[in-house]
Amino acid sequence: MSLRIGPVDGAEDLESLRARLDAVDADLLDAVRERLEICLRIGEHKRVNGVAMMQPHRIAAVQGRAARYAEEHGIEPTFLRGLYDTIIAETCRLEDEWIASGGTGTGTGTGAGAGQRRAS
């Protein structure tokens, strides 16, 4: 399977296509926010229960799932890898801030381990 657009539909004008794109973008942004919130909840669980924050096997699992998705859907794997690298880096920044604040969310994010890669 690969990316496909099918035949151009004369009924679809540029504005309607852009409106559809805007709706997809809104869903994408909501999904990213929700993912970050879930990761913070996982980080809080780890903090409270003394679980190591660094979880390299999770990074591998997430990246592997993205690579399979890319292959199945005709998307460049390096694109999805870069996307997940960015998402994981932001997750780490937020988790570091959360930990530095003692779970209040007011930390600076510059504590030990800031910027290290780990997946929740």
PDB file of N, CA and C in Angstrom:
ATOM      1  N   MET A   1       0.845  -1.166   0.000  1.00  0.00           N
ATOM      2  CA  MET A   1       0.000   0.000   0.000  1.00  0.00           C
ATOM      3  C   MET A   1       0.896   1.235   0.000  1.00  0.00           C
ATOM      4  N   SER A   2       0.439   2.307  -0.625  1.00  0.00           N
ATOM      5  CA  SER A   2       1.228   3.528  -0.646  1.00  0.00           C
ATOM      6  C   SER A   2       0.314   4.737  -0.631  1.00  0.00           C
ATOM      7  N   LEU A   3       0.929   5.898  -0.458  1.00  0.00           N
ATOM      8  CA  LEU A   3       0.158   7.132  -0.524  1.00  0.00           C
ATOM      9  C   LEU A   3      -0.506   7.216  -1.883  1.00  0.00           C
ATOM     10  N   ARG A   4      -1.721   7.651  -1.892  1.00  0.00           N
ATOM     11  CA  ARG A   4      -2.417   7.753  -3.169  1.00  0.00           C
ATOM     12  C   ARG A   4      -3.410   8.904  -3.083  1.00  0.00           C
ATOM     13  N   ILE A   5      -3.676   9.510  -4.210  1.00  0.00           N
ATOM     14  CA  ILE A   5      -4.652  10.593  -4.239  1.00  0.00           C
ATOM     15  C   ILE A   5      -5.860  10.245  -5.080  1.00  0.00           C
ATOM     16  N   GLY A   6      -5.715   9.259  -5.942  1.00  0.00           N
ATOM     17  CA  GLY A   6      -6.818   8.898  -6.821  1.00  0.00           C
ATOM     18  C   GLY A   6      -7.011   9.959  -7.889  1.00  0.00           C
ATOM     19  N   PRO A   7      -8.024   9.787  -8.689  1.00  0.00           N
ATOM     20  CA  PRO A   7      -8.273  10.771  -9.746  1.00  0.00           C
ATOM     21  C   PRO A   7      -8.721  12.097  -9.138  1.00  0.00           C
ATOM     22  N   VAL A   8      -8.373  13.168  -9.806  1.00  0.00           N
ATOM     23  CA  VAL A   8      -8.771  14.493  -9.352  1.00  0.00           C
ATOM     24  C   VAL A   8     -10.274  14.637  -9.547  1.00  0.00           C
ATOM     25  N   ASP A   9     -10.941  15.034  -8.484  1.00  0.00           N
ATOM     26  CA  ASP A   9     -12.386  15.220  -8.513  1.00  0.00           C
ATOM     27  C   ASP A   9     -12.671  16.681  -8.832  1.00  0.00           C
ATOM     28  N   GLY A  10     -13.323  16.936  -9.949  1.00  0.00           N
ATOM     29  CA  GLY A  10     -13.628  18.302 -10.366  1.00  0.00           C
ATOM     30  C   GLY A  10     -14.495  19.048  -9.367  1.00  0.00           C
ATOM     31  N   ALA A  11     -15.222  18.307  -8.518  1.00  0.00           N
ATOM     32  CA  ALA A  11     -16.087  18.944  -7.533  1.00  0.00           C
ATOM     33  C   ALA A  11     -15.297  19.470  -6.342  1.00  0.00           C
ATOM     34  N   GLU A  12     -14.078  18.975  -6.160  1.00  0.00           N
ATOM     35  CA  GLU A  12     -13.255  19.421  -5.037  1.00  0.00           C
ATOM     36  C   GLU A  12     -12.457  20.649  -5.448  1.00  0.00           C
ATOM     37  N   ASP A  13     -12.812  21.769  -4.880  1.00  0.00           N
ATOM     38  CA  ASP A  13     -12.050  22.969  -5.189  1.00  0.00           C
ATOM     39  C   ASP A  13     -10.953  23.162  -4.147  1.00  0.00           C
ATOM     40  N   LEU A  14     -10.088  24.096  -4.406  1.00  0.00           N
ATOM     41  CA  LEU A  14      -8.942  24.337  -3.543  1.00  0.00           C
ATOM     42  C   LEU A  14      -9.373  24.677  -2.125  1.00  0.00           C
ATOM     43  N   GLU A  15     -10.385  25.472  -1.984  1.00  0.00           N
ATOM     44  CA  GLU A  15     -10.831  25.869  -0.644  1.00  0.00           C
ATOM     45  C   GLU A  15     -11.375  24.688   0.157  1.00  0.00           C
ATOM     46  N   SER A  16     -12.114  23.802  -0.493  1.00  0.00           N
ATOM     47  CA  SER A  16     -12.641  22.642   0.240  1.00  0.00           C
ATOM     48  C   SER A  16     -11.513  21.698   0.620  1.00  0.00           C
ATOM     49  N   LEU A  17     -10.523  21.551  -0.247  1.00  0.00           N
ATOM     50  CA  LEU A  17      -9.364  20.722   0.096  1.00  0.00           C
ATOM     51  C   LEU A  17      -8.604  21.332   1.274  1.00  0.00           C
ATOM     52  N   ARG A  18      -8.433  22.641   1.259  1.00  0.00           N
ATOM     53  CA  ARG A  18      -7.745  23.307   2.370  1.00  0.00           C
ATOM     54  C   ARG A  18      -8.538  23.194   3.662  1.00  0.00           C
ATOM     55  N   ALA A  19      -9.846  23.243   3.577  1.00  0.00           N
ATOM     56  CA  ALA A  19     -10.679  23.081   4.772  1.00  0.00           C
ATOM     57  C   ALA A  19     -10.507  21.680   5.351  1.00  0.00           C
ATOM     58  N   ARG A  20     -10.462  20.689   4.482  1.00  0.00           N
ATOM     59  CA  ARG A  20     -10.223  19.306   4.942  1.00  0.00           C
ATOM     60  C   ARG A  20      -8.850  19.195   5.592  1.00  0.00           C
ATOM     61  N   LEU A  21      -7.860  19.829   4.961  1.00  0.00           N
ATOM     62  CA  LEU A  21      -6.504  19.811   5.512  1.00  0.00           C
ATOM     63  C   LEU A  21      -6.465  20.479   6.881  1.00  0.00           C
ATOM     64  N   ASP A  22      -7.143  21.609   7.032  1.00  0.00           N
ATOM     65  CA  ASP A  22      -7.190  22.301   8.323  1.00  0.00           C
ATOM     66  C   ASP A  22      -7.818  21.413   9.393  1.00  0.00           C
ATOM     67  N   ALA A  23      -8.852  20.662   9.034  1.00  0.00           N
ATOM     68  CA  ALA A  23      -9.498  19.760   9.984  1.00  0.00           C
ATOM     69  C   ALA A  23      -8.552  18.638  10.399  1.00  0.00           C
ATOM     70  N   VAL A  24      -7.827  18.089   9.437  1.00  0.00           N
ATOM     71  CA  VAL A  24      -6.845  17.038   9.750  1.00  0.00           C
ATOM     72  C   VAL A  24      -5.742  17.606  10.637  1.00  0.00           C
ATOM     73  N   ASP A  25      -5.282  18.824  10.331  1.00  0.00           N
ATOM     74  CA  ASP A  25      -4.254  19.458  11.166  1.00  0.00           C
ATOM     75  C   ASP A  25      -4.734  19.641  12.599  1.00  0.00           C
ATOM     76  N   ALA A  26      -5.983  20.050  12.770  1.00  0.00           N
ATOM     77  CA  ALA A  26      -6.531  20.222  14.120  1.00  0.00           C
ATOM     78  C   ALA A  26      -6.534  18.879  14.862  1.00  0.00           C
ATOM     79  N   ASP A  27      -6.932  17.809  14.160  1.00  0.00           N
ATOM     80  CA  ASP A  27      -6.917  16.477  14.775  1.00  0.00           C
ATOM     81  C   ASP A  27      -5.494  16.058  15.128  1.00  0.00           C
ATOM     82  N   LEU A  28      -4.555  16.333  14.235  1.00  0.00           N
ATOM     83  CA  LEU A  28      -3.154  15.987  14.477  1.00  0.00           C
ATOM     84  C   LEU A  28      -2.619  16.710  15.709  1.00  0.00           C
ATOM     85  N   LEU A  29      -2.878  17.997  15.797  1.00  0.00           N
ATOM     86  CA  LEU A  29      -2.401  18.767  16.945  1.00  0.00           C
ATOM     87  C   LEU A  29      -3.036  18.294  18.244  1.00  0.00           C
ATOM     88  N   ASP A  30      -4.326  17.981  18.209  1.00  0.00           N
ATOM     89  CA  ASP A  30      -4.989  17.437  19.398  1.00  0.00           C
ATOM     90  C   ASP A  30      -4.379  16.096  19.794  1.00  0.00           C
ATOM     91  N   ALA A  31      -4.059  15.266  18.802  1.00  0.00           N
ATOM     92  CA  ALA A  31      -3.460  13.959  19.089  1.00  0.00           C
ATOM     93  C   ALA A  31      -2.070  14.123  19.703  1.00  0.00           C
ATOM     94  N   VAL A  32      -1.287  15.067  19.207  1.00  0.00           N
ATOM     95  CA  VAL A  32       0.046  15.304  19.768  1.00  0.00           C
ATOM     96  C   VAL A  32      -0.083  15.792  21.210  1.00  0.00           C
ATOM     97  N   ARG A  33      -0.991  16.744  21.463  1.00  0.00           N
ATOM     98  CA  ARG A  33      -1.205  17.231  22.831  1.00  0.00           C
ATOM     99  C   ARG A  33      -1.626  16.091  23.751  1.00  0.00           C
ATOM    100  N   GLU A  34      -2.558  15.264  23.289  1.00  0.00           N
ATOM    101  CA  GLU A  34      -3.021  14.145  24.105  1.00  0.00           C
ATOM    102  C   GLU A  34      -1.875  13.175  24.384  1.00  0.00           C
ATOM    103  N   ARG A  35      -1.038  12.917  23.389  1.00  0.00           N
ATOM    104  CA  ARG A  35       0.100  12.020  23.574  1.00  0.00           C
ATOM    105  C   ARG A  35       1.045  12.568  24.636  1.00  0.00           C
ATOM    106  N   LEU A  36       1.322  13.868  24.574  1.00  0.00           N
ATOM    107  CA  LEU A  36       2.208  14.482  25.563  1.00  0.00           C
ATOM    108  C   LEU A  36       1.605  14.405  26.963  1.00  0.00           C
ATOM    109  N   GLU A  37       0.302  14.634  27.073  1.00  0.00           N
ATOM    110  CA  GLU A  37      -0.357  14.537  28.372  1.00  0.00           C
ATOM    111  C   GLU A  37      -0.275  13.111  28.932  1.00  0.00           C
ATOM    112  N   ILE A  38      -0.486  12.128  28.087  1.00  0.00           N
ATOM    113  CA  ILE A  38      -0.391  10.730  28.529  1.00  0.00           C
ATOM    114  C   ILE A  38       1.036  10.423  28.973  1.00  0.00           C
ATOM    115  N   CYS A  39       2.011  10.908  28.210  1.00  0.00           N
ATOM    116  CA  CYS A  39       3.410  10.680  28.589  1.00  0.00           C
ATOM    117  C   CYS A  39       3.730  11.297  29.947  1.00  0.00           C
ATOM    118  N   LEU A  40       3.167  12.473  30.230  1.00  0.00           N
ATOM    119  CA  LEU A  40       3.381  13.082  31.543  1.00  0.00           C
ATOM    120  C   LEU A  40       2.738  12.249  32.651  1.00  0.00           C
ATOM    121  N   ARG A  41       1.587  11.683  32.375  1.00  0.00           N
ATOM    122  CA  ARG A  41       0.952  10.806  33.376  1.00  0.00           C
ATOM    123  C   ARG A  41       1.827   9.574  33.625  1.00  0.00           C
ATOM    124  N   ILE A  42       2.398   9.042  32.553  1.00  0.00           N
ATOM    125  CA  ILE A  42       3.326   7.909  32.702  1.00  0.00           C
ATOM    126  C   ILE A  42       4.544   8.345  33.490  1.00  0.00           C
ATOM    127  N   GLY A  43       5.067   9.534  33.189  1.00  0.00           N
ATOM    128  CA  GLY A  43       6.210  10.068  33.935  1.00  0.00           C
ATOM    129  C   GLY A  43       5.899  10.232  35.413  1.00  0.00           C
ATOM    130  N   GLU A  44       4.695  10.693  35.724  1.00  0.00           N
ATOM    131  CA  GLU A  44       4.298  10.830  37.128  1.00  0.00           C
ATOM    132  C   GLU A  44       4.219   9.455  37.789  1.00  0.00           C
ATOM    133  N   HIS A  45       3.678   8.491  37.076  1.00  0.00           N
ATOM    134  CA  HIS A  45       3.633   7.126  37.617  1.00  0.00           C
ATOM    135  C   HIS A  45       5.057   6.638  37.919  1.00  0.00           C
ATOM    136  N   LYS A  46       5.965   6.871  37.002  1.00  0.00           N
ATOM    137  CA  LYS A  46       7.358   6.458  37.205  1.00  0.00           C
ATOM    138  C   LYS A  46       7.966   7.186  38.395  1.00  0.00           C
ATOM    139  N   ARG A  47       7.713   8.499  38.494  1.00  0.00           N
ATOM    140  CA  ARG A  47       8.278   9.291  39.592  1.00  0.00           C
ATOM    141  C   ARG A  47       7.773   8.781  40.936  1.00  0.00           C
ATOM    142  N   VAL A  48       6.484   8.582  41.057  1.00  0.00           N
ATOM    143  CA  VAL A  48       5.869   8.164  42.309  1.00  0.00           C
ATOM    144  C   VAL A  48       6.298   6.750  42.696  1.00  0.00           C
ATOM    145  N   ASN A  49       6.464   5.884  41.702  1.00  0.00           N
ATOM    146  CA  ASN A  49       6.754   4.475  41.977  1.00  0.00           C
ATOM    147  C   ASN A  49       8.227   4.113  41.844  1.00  0.00           C
ATOM    148  N   GLY A  50       9.075   5.101  41.650  1.00  0.00           N
ATOM    149  CA  GLY A  50      10.514   4.849  41.588  1.00  0.00           C
ATOM    150  C   GLY A  50      10.943   4.048  40.373  1.00  0.00           C
ATOM    151  N   VAL A  51      10.213   4.191  39.279  1.00  0.00           N
ATOM    152  CA  VAL A  51      10.562   3.487  38.043  1.00  0.00           C
ATOM    153  C   VAL A  51      11.532   4.362  37.256  1.00  0.00           C
ATOM    154  N   ALA A  52      12.560   3.745  36.692  1.00  0.00           N
ATOM    155  CA  ALA A  52      13.537   4.498  35.904  1.00  0.00           C
ATOM    156  C   ALA A  52      12.842   5.226  34.759  1.00  0.00           C
ATOM    157  N   MET A  53      13.214   6.490  34.588  1.00  0.00           N
ATOM    158  CA  MET A  53      12.631   7.277  33.500  1.00  0.00           C
ATOM    159  C   MET A  53      13.137   6.796  32.146  1.00  0.00           C
ATOM    160  N   MET A  54      14.394   6.449  32.076  1.00  0.00           N
ATOM    161  CA  MET A  54      14.986   6.034  30.804  1.00  0.00           C
ATOM    162  C   MET A  54      14.448   4.659  30.418  1.00  0.00           C
ATOM    163  N   GLN A  55      13.814   4.580  29.269  1.00  0.00           N
ATOM    164  CA  GLN A  55      13.208   3.336  28.783  1.00  0.00           C
ATOM    165  C   GLN A  55      13.589   3.131  27.317  1.00  0.00           C
ATOM    166  N   PRO A  56      14.859   2.769  27.044  1.00  0.00           N
ATOM    167  CA  PRO A  56      15.307   2.634  25.648  1.00  0.00           C
ATOM    168  C   PRO A  56      14.488   1.636  24.831  1.00  0.00           C
ATOM    169  N   HIS A  57      13.994   0.576  25.467  1.00  0.00           N
ATOM    170  CA  HIS A  57      13.207  -0.405  24.725  1.00  0.00           C
ATOM    171  C   HIS A  57      11.911   0.211  24.197  1.00  0.00           C
ATOM    172  N   ARG A  58      11.377   1.214  24.899  1.00  0.00           N
ATOM    173  CA  ARG A  58      10.163   1.880  24.421  1.00  0.00           C
ATOM    174  C   ARG A  58      10.453   2.724  23.186  1.00  0.00           C
ATOM    175  N   ILE A  59      11.598   3.382  23.169  1.00  0.00           N
ATOM    176  CA  ILE A  59      11.974   4.151  21.982  1.00  0.00           C
ATOM    177  C   ILE A  59      12.053   3.218  20.790  1.00  0.00           C
ATOM    178  N   ALA A  60      12.706   2.082  20.978  1.00  0.00           N
ATOM    179  CA  ALA A  60      12.839   1.113  19.884  1.00  0.00           C
ATOM    180  C   ALA A  60      11.467   0.618  19.427  1.00  0.00           C
ATOM    181  N   ALA A  61      10.565   0.361  20.365  1.00  0.00           N
ATOM    182  CA  ALA A  61       9.231  -0.130  20.009  1.00  0.00           C
ATOM    183  C   ALA A  61       8.447   0.930  19.234  1.00  0.00           C
ATOM    184  N   VAL A  62       8.497   2.168  19.705  1.00  0.00           N
ATOM    185  CA  VAL A  62       7.775   3.258  19.039  1.00  0.00           C
ATOM    186  C   VAL A  62       8.345   3.490  17.640  1.00  0.00           C
ATOM    187  N   GLN A  63       9.661   3.538  17.536  1.00  0.00           N
ATOM    188  CA  GLN A  63      10.296   3.754  16.239  1.00  0.00           C
ATOM    189  C   GLN A  63      10.040   2.577  15.299  1.00  0.00           C
ATOM    190  N   GLY A  64      10.039   1.372  15.822  1.00  0.00           N
ATOM    191  CA  GLY A  64       9.751   0.195  14.997  1.00  0.00           C
ATOM    192  C   GLY A  64       8.332   0.218  14.455  1.00  0.00           C
ATOM    193  N   ARG A  65       7.388   0.600  15.303  1.00  0.00           N
ATOM    194  CA  ARG A  65       5.990   0.695  14.873  1.00  0.00           C
ATOM    195  C   ARG A  65       5.846   1.766  13.788  1.00  0.00           C
ATOM    196  N   ALA A  66       6.530   2.891  13.952  1.00  0.00           N
ATOM    197  CA  ALA A  66       6.477   3.961  12.944  1.00  0.00           C
ATOM    198  C   ALA A  66       7.104   3.495  11.631  1.00  0.00           C
ATOM    199  N   ALA A  67       8.197   2.751  11.717  1.00  0.00           N
ATOM    200  CA  ALA A  67       8.856   2.256  10.506  1.00  0.00           C
ATOM    201  C   ALA A  67       7.945   1.290   9.750  1.00  0.00           C
ATOM    202  N   ARG A  68       7.268   0.406  10.483  1.00  0.00           N
ATOM    203  CA  ARG A  68       6.329  -0.522   9.831  1.00  0.00           C
ATOM    204  C   ARG A  68       5.174   0.244   9.188  1.00  0.00           C
ATOM    205  N   TYR A  69       4.670   1.230   9.878  1.00  0.00           N
ATOM    206  CA  TYR A  69       3.586   2.040   9.332  1.00  0.00           C
ATOM    207  C   TYR A  69       4.043   2.732   8.048  1.00  0.00           C
ATOM    208  N   ALA A  70       5.250   3.291   8.082  1.00  0.00           N
ATOM    209  CA  ALA A  70       5.798   3.966   6.894  1.00  0.00           C
ATOM    210  C   ALA A  70       5.866   2.999   5.722  1.00  0.00           C
ATOM    211  N   GLU A  71       6.380   1.819   5.983  1.00  0.00           N
ATOM    212  CA  GLU A  71       6.517   0.820   4.922  1.00  0.00           C
ATOM    213  C   GLU A  71       5.165   0.414   4.361  1.00  0.00           C
ATOM    214  N   GLU A  72       4.189   0.216   5.227  1.00  0.00           N
ATOM    215  CA  GLU A  72       2.860  -0.225   4.797  1.00  0.00           C
ATOM    216  C   GLU A  72       2.091   0.850   4.044  1.00  0.00           C
ATOM    217  N   HIS A  73       2.433   2.128   4.284  1.00  0.00           N
ATOM    218  CA  HIS A  73       1.645   3.219   3.721  1.00  0.00           C
ATOM    219  C   HIS A  73       2.418   4.105   2.741  1.00  0.00           C
ATOM    220  N   GLY A  74       3.594   3.668   2.338  1.00  0.00           N
ATOM    221  CA  GLY A  74       4.341   4.403   1.330  1.00  0.00           C
ATOM    222  C   GLY A  74       4.846   5.756   1.785  1.00  0.00           C
ATOM    223  N   ILE A  75       5.190   5.851   3.056  1.00  0.00           N
ATOM    224  CA  ILE A  75       5.726   7.092   3.617  1.00  0.00           C
ATOM    225  C   ILE A  75       7.215   6.894   3.841  1.00  0.00           C
ATOM    226  N   GLU A  76       7.987   7.918   3.601  1.00  0.00           N
ATOM    227  CA  GLU A  76       9.434   7.844   3.791  1.00  0.00           C
ATOM    228  C   GLU A  76       9.749   7.567   5.268  1.00  0.00           C
ATOM    229  N   PRO A  77      10.405   6.443   5.570  1.00  0.00           N
ATOM    230  CA  PRO A  77      10.688   6.091   6.962  1.00  0.00           C
ATOM    231  C   PRO A  77      11.504   7.150   7.707  1.00  0.00           C
ATOM    232  N   THR A  78      12.421   7.815   7.025  1.00  0.00           N
ATOM    233  CA  THR A  78      13.222   8.830   7.723  1.00  0.00           C
ATOM    234  C   THR A  78      12.358  10.014   8.156  1.00  0.00           C
ATOM    235  N   PHE A  79      11.290  10.281   7.428  1.00  0.00           N
ATOM    236  CA  PHE A  79      10.366  11.341   7.830  1.00  0.00           C
ATOM    237  C   PHE A  79       9.703  10.990   9.160  1.00  0.00           C
ATOM    238  N   LEU A  80       9.138   9.778   9.244  1.00  0.00           N
ATOM    239  CA  LEU A  80       8.463   9.387  10.484  1.00  0.00           C
ATOM    240  C   LEU A  80       9.449   9.237  11.632  1.00  0.00           C
ATOM    241  N   ARG A  81      10.654   8.776  11.341  1.00  0.00           N
ATOM    242  CA  ARG A  81      11.670   8.676  12.391  1.00  0.00           C
ATOM    243  C   ARG A  81      11.975  10.069  12.936  1.00  0.00           C
ATOM    244  N   GLY A  82      12.150  11.032  12.054  1.00  0.00           N
ATOM    245  CA  GLY A  82      12.422  12.400  12.486  1.00  0.00           C
ATOM    246  C   GLY A  82      11.262  12.986  13.274  1.00  0.00           C
ATOM    247  N   LEU A  83      10.044  12.691  12.821  1.00  0.00           N
ATOM    248  CA  LEU A  83       8.862  13.168  13.525  1.00  0.00           C
ATOM    249  C   LEU A  83       8.838  12.609  14.949  1.00  0.00           C
ATOM    250  N   TYR A  84       9.062  11.311  15.073  1.00  0.00           N
ATOM    251  CA  TYR A  84       9.068  10.707  16.407  1.00  0.00           C
ATOM    252  C   TYR A  84      10.259  11.161  17.235  1.00  0.00           C
ATOM    253  N   ASP A  85      11.404  11.384  16.623  1.00  0.00           N
ATOM    254  CA  ASP A  85      12.543  11.936  17.367  1.00  0.00           C
ATOM    255  C   ASP A  85      12.158  13.278  17.989  1.00  0.00           C
ATOM    256  N   THR A  86      11.454  14.110  17.229  1.00  0.00           N
ATOM    257  CA  THR A  86      11.021  15.411  17.729  1.00  0.00           C
ATOM    258  C   THR A  86      10.001  15.259  18.858  1.00  0.00           C
ATOM    259  N   ILE A  87       9.038  14.382  18.672  1.00  0.00           N
ATOM    260  CA  ILE A  87       8.012  14.163  19.698  1.00  0.00           C
ATOM    261  C   ILE A  87       8.646  13.605  20.970  1.00  0.00           C
ATOM    262  N   ILE A  88       9.560  12.648  20.825  1.00  0.00           N
ATOM    263  CA  ILE A  88      10.215  12.052  21.986  1.00  0.00           C
ATOM    264  C   ILE A  88      11.074  13.085  22.705  1.00  0.00           C
ATOM    265  N   ALA A  89      11.769  13.936  21.963  1.00  0.00           N
ATOM    266  CA  ALA A  89      12.582  14.988  22.590  1.00  0.00           C
ATOM    267  C   ALA A  89      11.701  15.930  23.412  1.00  0.00           C
ATOM    268  N   GLU A  90      10.543  16.290  22.885  1.00  0.00           N
ATOM    269  CA  GLU A  90       9.639  17.167  23.638  1.00  0.00           C
ATOM    270  C   GLU A  90       9.084  16.451  24.862  1.00  0.00           C
ATOM    271  N   THR A  91       8.781  15.175  24.729  1.00  0.00           N
ATOM    272  CA  THR A  91       8.325  14.392  25.870  1.00  0.00           C
ATOM    273  C   THR A  91       9.383  14.394  26.967  1.00  0.00           C
ATOM    274  N   CYS A  92      10.641  14.186  26.593  1.00  0.00           N
ATOM    275  CA  CYS A  92      11.730  14.190  27.566  1.00  0.00           C
ATOM    276  C   CYS A  92      11.846  15.547  28.247  1.00  0.00           C
ATOM    277  N   ARG A  93      11.732  16.614  27.479  1.00  0.00           N
ATOM    278  CA  ARG A  93      11.815  17.952  28.056  1.00  0.00           C
ATOM    279  C   ARG A  93      10.708  18.157  29.083  1.00  0.00           C
ATOM    280  N   LEU A  94       9.491  17.764  28.732  1.00  0.00           N
ATOM    281  CA  LEU A  94       8.370  17.926  29.654  1.00  0.00           C
ATOM    282  C   LEU A  94       8.528  17.054  30.894  1.00  0.00           C
ATOM    283  N   GLU A  95       8.976  15.809  30.697  1.00  0.00           N
ATOM    284  CA  GLU A  95       9.193  14.924  31.854  1.00  0.00           C
ATOM    285  C   GLU A  95      10.274  15.485  32.762  1.00  0.00           C
ATOM    286  N   ASP A  96      11.357  15.999  32.196  1.00  0.00           N
ATOM    287  CA  ASP A  96      12.415  16.595  33.010  1.00  0.00           C
ATOM    288  C   ASP A  96      11.880  17.777  33.814  1.00  0.00           C
ATOM    289  N   GLU A  97      11.061  18.604  33.178  1.00  0.00           N
ATOM    290  CA  GLU A  97      10.457  19.743  33.865  1.00  0.00           C
ATOM    291  C   GLU A  97       9.551  19.266  34.993  1.00  0.00           C
ATOM    292  N   TRP A  98       8.777  18.234  34.708  1.00  0.00           N
ATOM    293  CA  TRP A  98       7.855  17.679  35.700  1.00  0.00           C
ATOM    294  C   TRP A  98       8.624  17.129  36.909  1.00  0.00           C
ATOM    295  N   ILE A  99       9.663  16.391  36.636  1.00  0.00           N
ATOM    296  CA  ILE A  99      10.466  15.801  37.712  1.00  0.00           C
ATOM    297  C   ILE A  99      11.159  16.891  38.520  1.00  0.00           C
ATOM    298  N   ALA A 100      11.754  17.860  37.827  1.00  0.00           N
ATOM    299  CA  ALA A 100      12.464  18.944  38.505  1.00  0.00           C
ATOM    300  C   ALA A 100      11.528  19.737  39.409  1.00  0.00           C
ATOM    301  N   SER A 101      10.258  19.795  39.065  1.00  0.00           N
ATOM    302  CA  SER A 101       9.285  20.545  39.854  1.00  0.00           C
ATOM    303  C   SER A 101       8.708  19.702  40.991  1.00  0.00           C
ATOM    304  N   GLY A 102       9.106  18.440  41.078  1.00  0.00           N
ATOM    305  CA  GLY A 102       8.538  17.562  42.086  1.00  0.00           C
ATOM    306  C   GLY A 102       7.098  17.181  41.791  1.00  0.00           C
ATOM    307  N   GLY A 103       6.727  17.269  40.529  1.00  0.00           N
ATOM    308  CA  GLY A 103       5.382  16.876  40.134  1.00  0.00           C
ATOM    309  C   GLY A 103       4.385  18.012  40.131  1.00  0.00           C
ATOM    310  N   THR A 104       4.878  19.249  40.190  1.00  0.00           N
ATOM    311  CA  THR A 104       3.956  20.387  40.159  1.00  0.00           C
ATOM    312  C   THR A 104       3.902  21.045  38.795  1.00  0.00           C
ATOM    313  N   GLY A 105       4.827  20.683  37.904  1.00  0.00           N
ATOM    314  CA  GLY A 105       4.823  21.245  36.564  1.00  0.00           C
ATOM    315  C   GLY A 105       5.425  22.622  36.464  1.00  0.00           C
ATOM    316  N   THR A 106       6.127  23.068  37.518  1.00  0.00           N
ATOM    317  CA  THR A 106       6.693  24.415  37.485  1.00  0.00           C
ATOM    318  C   THR A 106       8.204  24.412  37.367  1.00  0.00           C
ATOM    319  N   GLY A 107       8.785  23.257  37.049  1.00  0.00           N
ATOM    320  CA  GLY A 107      10.236  23.165  36.924  1.00  0.00           C
ATOM    321  C   GLY A 107      10.736  23.853  35.672  1.00  0.00           C
ATOM    322  N   THR A 108      12.046  23.945  35.539  1.00  0.00           N
ATOM    323  CA  THR A 108      12.637  24.650  34.409  1.00  0.00           C
ATOM    324  C   THR A 108      12.995  23.735  33.262  1.00  0.00           C
ATOM    325  N   GLY A 109      13.049  22.430  33.503  1.00  0.00           N
ATOM    326  CA  GLY A 109      13.416  21.506  32.433  1.00  0.00           C
ATOM    327  C   GLY A 109      14.904  21.472  32.166  1.00  0.00           C
ATOM    328  N   THR A 110      15.699  22.044  33.058  1.00  0.00           N
ATOM    329  CA  THR A 110      17.143  22.077  32.837  1.00  0.00           C
ATOM    330  C   THR A 110      17.880  21.162  33.798  1.00  0.00           C
ATOM    331  N   GLY A 111      17.139  20.293  34.483  1.00  0.00           N
ATOM    332  CA  GLY A 111      17.753  19.408  35.454  1.00  0.00           C
ATOM    333  C   GLY A 111      18.591  18.324  34.803  1.00  0.00           C
ATOM    334  N   ALA A 112      19.171  17.478  35.638  1.00  0.00           N
ATOM    335  CA  ALA A 112      19.998  16.373  35.143  1.00  0.00           C
ATOM    336  C   ALA A 112      19.188  15.531  34.188  1.00  0.00           C
ATOM    337  N   GLY A 113      19.803  15.186  33.088  1.00  0.00           N
ATOM    338  CA  GLY A 113      19.152  14.337  32.109  1.00  0.00           C
ATOM    339  C   GLY A 113      18.315  15.081  31.098  1.00  0.00           C
ATOM    340  N   ALA A 114      18.254  16.395  31.220  1.00  0.00           N
ATOM    341  CA  ALA A 114      17.467  17.153  30.254  1.00  0.00           C
ATOM    342  C   ALA A 114      17.983  16.865  28.844  1.00  0.00           C
ATOM    343  N   GLY A 115      17.045  16.547  27.974  1.00  0.00           N
ATOM    344  CA  GLY A 115      17.409  16.303  26.592  1.00  0.00           C
ATOM    345  C   GLY A 115      17.787  14.857  26.294  1.00  0.00           C
ATOM    346  N   GLN A 116      17.914  14.023  27.340  1.00  0.00           N
ATOM    347  CA  GLN A 116      18.213  12.622  27.069  1.00  0.00           C
ATOM    348  C   GLN A 116      17.006  11.991  26.413  1.00  0.00           C
ATOM    349  N   ARG A 117      17.256  11.012  25.579  1.00  0.00           N
ATOM    350  CA  ARG A 117      16.163  10.343  24.867  1.00  0.00           C
ATOM    351  C   ARG A 117      15.641   9.190  25.696  1.00  0.00           C
ATOM    352  N   ARG A 118      14.361   9.200  25.901  1.00  0.00           N
ATOM    353  CA  ARG A 118      13.678   8.080  26.541  1.00  0.00           C
ATOM    354  C   ARG A 118      12.237   8.148  26.093  1.00  0.00           C
ATOM    355  N   ALA A 119      11.625   7.038  26.025  1.00  0.00           N
ATOM    356  CA  ALA A 119      10.199   7.020  25.677  1.00  0.00           C
ATOM    357  C   ALA A 119       9.433   6.538  26.884  1.00  0.00           C
ATOM    358  N   SER A 120       8.245   7.077  27.030  1.00  0.00           N
ATOM    359  CA  SER A 120       7.426   6.704  28.157  1.00  0.00           C
ATOM    360  C   SER A 120       6.836   5.353  27.926  1.00  0.00           C
TER     361      SER A 120
END
